[in-house]
């Protein structure tokens, strides 16, 4: 199975949008039912999403650490995605 990273990310984004649309629909249903049930309407939304996708990939990176005058430090990391061979199942 071969899926481009951009295709995977687009599908994940589309799934999150679809999930929010479903939450919106349930919120509208809850609001409509309030007059009959007396149960206060509820609405939910995504506040953060964490995705874990096991992918085989190669990364080429570099880093730079810079210290500031107040003793703090800044770590800058640069990564470049290099397509890797995916194993077909």
C-alpha atoms as a PDB file:
ATOM      1  CA  UNK A   1       0.000   0.000   0.000  1.00  0.00           C
ATOM      2  CA  UNK A   2       1.466   3.322  -1.035  1.00  0.00           C
ATOM      3  CA  UNK A   3      -0.034   6.609   0.165  1.00  0.00           C
ATOM      4  CA  UNK A   4       1.547   9.998  -0.389  1.00  0.00           C
ATOM      5  CA  UNK A   5       2.125  11.949   2.819  1.00  0.00           C
ATOM      6  CA  UNK A   6       0.111  14.866   1.443  1.00  0.00           C
ATOM      7  CA  UNK A   7      -2.795  12.517   0.695  1.00  0.00           C
ATOM      8  CA  UNK A   8      -2.645  11.091   4.205  1.00  0.00           C
ATOM      9  CA  UNK A   9      -2.634  14.536   5.812  1.00  0.00           C
ATOM     10  CA  UNK A  10      -5.504  15.680   3.584  1.00  0.00           C
ATOM     11  CA  UNK A  11      -7.560  12.632   4.591  1.00  0.00           C
ATOM     12  CA  UNK A  12      -6.829  13.224   8.286  1.00  0.00           C
ATOM     13  CA  UNK A  13      -7.855  16.871   7.958  1.00  0.00           C
ATOM     14  CA  UNK A  14     -11.035  15.867   6.151  1.00  0.00           C
ATOM     15  CA  UNK A  15     -11.855  13.385   8.904  1.00  0.00           C
ATOM     16  CA  UNK A  16     -11.485  16.066  11.572  1.00  0.00           C
ATOM     17  CA  UNK A  17     -13.762  18.420   9.620  1.00  0.00           C
ATOM     18  CA  UNK A  18     -16.360  15.650   9.206  1.00  0.00           C
ATOM     19  CA  UNK A  19     -16.216  14.925  12.942  1.00  0.00           C
ATOM     20  CA  UNK A  20     -16.791  18.614  13.776  1.00  0.00           C
ATOM     21  CA  UNK A  21     -19.728  18.767  11.356  1.00  0.00           C
ATOM     22  CA  UNK A  22     -21.267  15.781  13.156  1.00  0.00           C
ATOM     23  CA  UNK A  23     -20.771  17.523  16.522  1.00  0.00           C
ATOM     24  CA  UNK A  24     -22.470  20.627  15.068  1.00  0.00           C
ATOM     25  CA  UNK A  25     -25.407  18.523  13.874  1.00  0.00           C
ATOM     26  CA  UNK A  26     -25.823  16.973  17.314  1.00  0.00           C
ATOM     27  CA  UNK A  27     -25.727  20.450  18.863  1.00  0.00           C
ATOM     28  CA  UNK A  28     -28.567  21.565  16.557  1.00  0.00           C
ATOM     29  CA  UNK A  29     -30.571  18.437  17.475  1.00  0.00           C
ATOM     30  CA  UNK A  30     -29.963  19.173  21.160  1.00  0.00           C
ATOM     31  CA  UNK A  31     -31.198  22.753  20.708  1.00  0.00           C
ATOM     32  CA  UNK A  32     -34.299  21.582  18.822  1.00  0.00           C
ATOM     33  CA  UNK A  33     -35.115  19.018  21.550  1.00  0.00           C
ATOM     34  CA  UNK A  34     -34.807  21.565  24.389  1.00  0.00           C
ATOM     35  CA  UNK A  35     -38.436  22.705  24.081  1.00  0.00           C
ATOM     36  CA  UNK A  36     -39.726  19.141  24.376  1.00  0.00           C
ATOM     37  CA  UNK A  37     -37.317  17.656  26.912  1.00  0.00           C
ATOM     38  CA  UNK A  38     -36.239  20.626  29.029  1.00  0.00           C
ATOM     39  CA  UNK A  39     -32.682  19.281  28.914  1.00  0.00           C
ATOM     40  CA  UNK A  40     -30.294  22.181  28.325  1.00  0.00           C
ATOM     41  CA  UNK A  41     -28.726  22.080  24.867  1.00  0.00           C
ATOM     42  CA  UNK A  42     -25.106  21.023  24.597  1.00  0.00           C
ATOM     43  CA  UNK A  43     -22.500  21.739  21.972  1.00  0.00           C
ATOM     44  CA  UNK A  44     -18.987  20.374  21.715  1.00  0.00           C
ATOM     45  CA  UNK A  45     -15.985  21.371  19.656  1.00  0.00           C
ATOM     46  CA  UNK A  46     -12.438  20.184  19.125  1.00  0.00           C
ATOM     47  CA  UNK A  47      -9.969  22.136  21.222  1.00  0.00           C
ATOM     48  CA  UNK A  48      -6.932  20.071  20.324  1.00  0.00           C
ATOM     49  CA  UNK A  49      -6.206  16.978  18.336  1.00  0.00           C
ATOM     50  CA  UNK A  50      -3.222  14.669  18.645  1.00  0.00           C
ATOM     51  CA  UNK A  51      -2.648  12.151  15.913  1.00  0.00           C
ATOM     52  CA  UNK A  52      -0.205   9.291  15.969  1.00  0.00           C
ATOM     53  CA  UNK A  53       0.607   7.831  12.581  1.00  0.00           C
ATOM     54  CA  UNK A  54       3.261   5.125  12.345  1.00  0.00           C
ATOM     55  CA  UNK A  55       5.150   5.929   9.159  1.00  0.00           C
ATOM     56  CA  UNK A  56       8.454   4.798   7.829  1.00  0.00           C
ATOM     57  CA  UNK A  57      10.368   7.856   6.741  1.00  0.00           C
ATOM     58  CA  UNK A  58      13.826   9.263   6.626  1.00  0.00           C
ATOM     59  CA  UNK A  59      14.595  12.653   8.070  1.00  0.00           C
ATOM     60  CA  UNK A  60      17.578  14.810   7.430  1.00  0.00           C
ATOM     61  CA  UNK A  61      18.015  17.374  10.142  1.00  0.00           C
ATOM     62  CA  UNK A  62      20.158  19.987  11.719  1.00  0.00           C
ATOM     63  CA  UNK A  63      19.893  21.905  14.959  1.00  0.00           C
ATOM     64  CA  UNK A  64      21.175  25.100  16.464  1.00  0.00           C
ATOM     65  CA  UNK A  65      21.170  26.117  20.126  1.00  0.00           C
ATOM     66  CA  UNK A  66      21.487  29.801  20.958  1.00  0.00           C
ATOM     67  CA  UNK A  67      21.686  31.217  24.482  1.00  0.00           C
ATOM     68  CA  UNK A  68      20.166  34.559  25.346  1.00  0.00           C
ATOM     69  CA  UNK A  69      21.419  37.288  27.671  1.00  0.00           C
ATOM     70  CA  UNK A  70      19.019  36.199  30.421  1.00  0.00           C
ATOM     71  CA  UNK A  71      20.416  32.670  30.449  1.00  0.00           C
ATOM     72  CA  UNK A  72      17.533  31.187  28.454  1.00  0.00           C
ATOM     73  CA  UNK A  73      18.160  29.124  25.376  1.00  0.00           C
ATOM     74  CA  UNK A  74      16.461  28.644  22.042  1.00  0.00           C
ATOM     75  CA  UNK A  75      16.595  25.336  20.220  1.00  0.00           C
ATOM     76  CA  UNK A  76      15.970  25.555  16.495  1.00  0.00           C
ATOM     77  CA  UNK A  77      15.442  22.295  14.636  1.00  0.00           C
ATOM     78  CA  UNK A  78      15.183  21.946  10.869  1.00  0.00           C
ATOM     79  CA  UNK A  79      13.788  18.725   9.420  1.00  0.00           C
ATOM     80  CA  UNK A  80      13.473  17.746   5.795  1.00  0.00           C
ATOM     81  CA  UNK A  81      11.161  14.911   4.800  1.00  0.00           C
ATOM     82  CA  UNK A  82      12.801  12.347   2.556  1.00  0.00           C
ATOM     83  CA  UNK A  83      10.375   9.691   1.254  1.00  0.00           C
ATOM     84  CA  UNK A  84      11.201   6.216   2.533  1.00  0.00           C
ATOM     85  CA  UNK A  85      10.329   2.814   1.180  1.00  0.00           C
ATOM     86  CA  UNK A  86       7.022   1.585   2.631  1.00  0.00           C
ATOM     87  CA  UNK A  87       6.491  -2.112   3.170  1.00  0.00           C
ATOM     88  CA  UNK A  88       3.396  -3.477   1.433  1.00  0.00           C
ATOM     89  CA  UNK A  89       1.188  -5.747   3.490  1.00  0.00           C
END
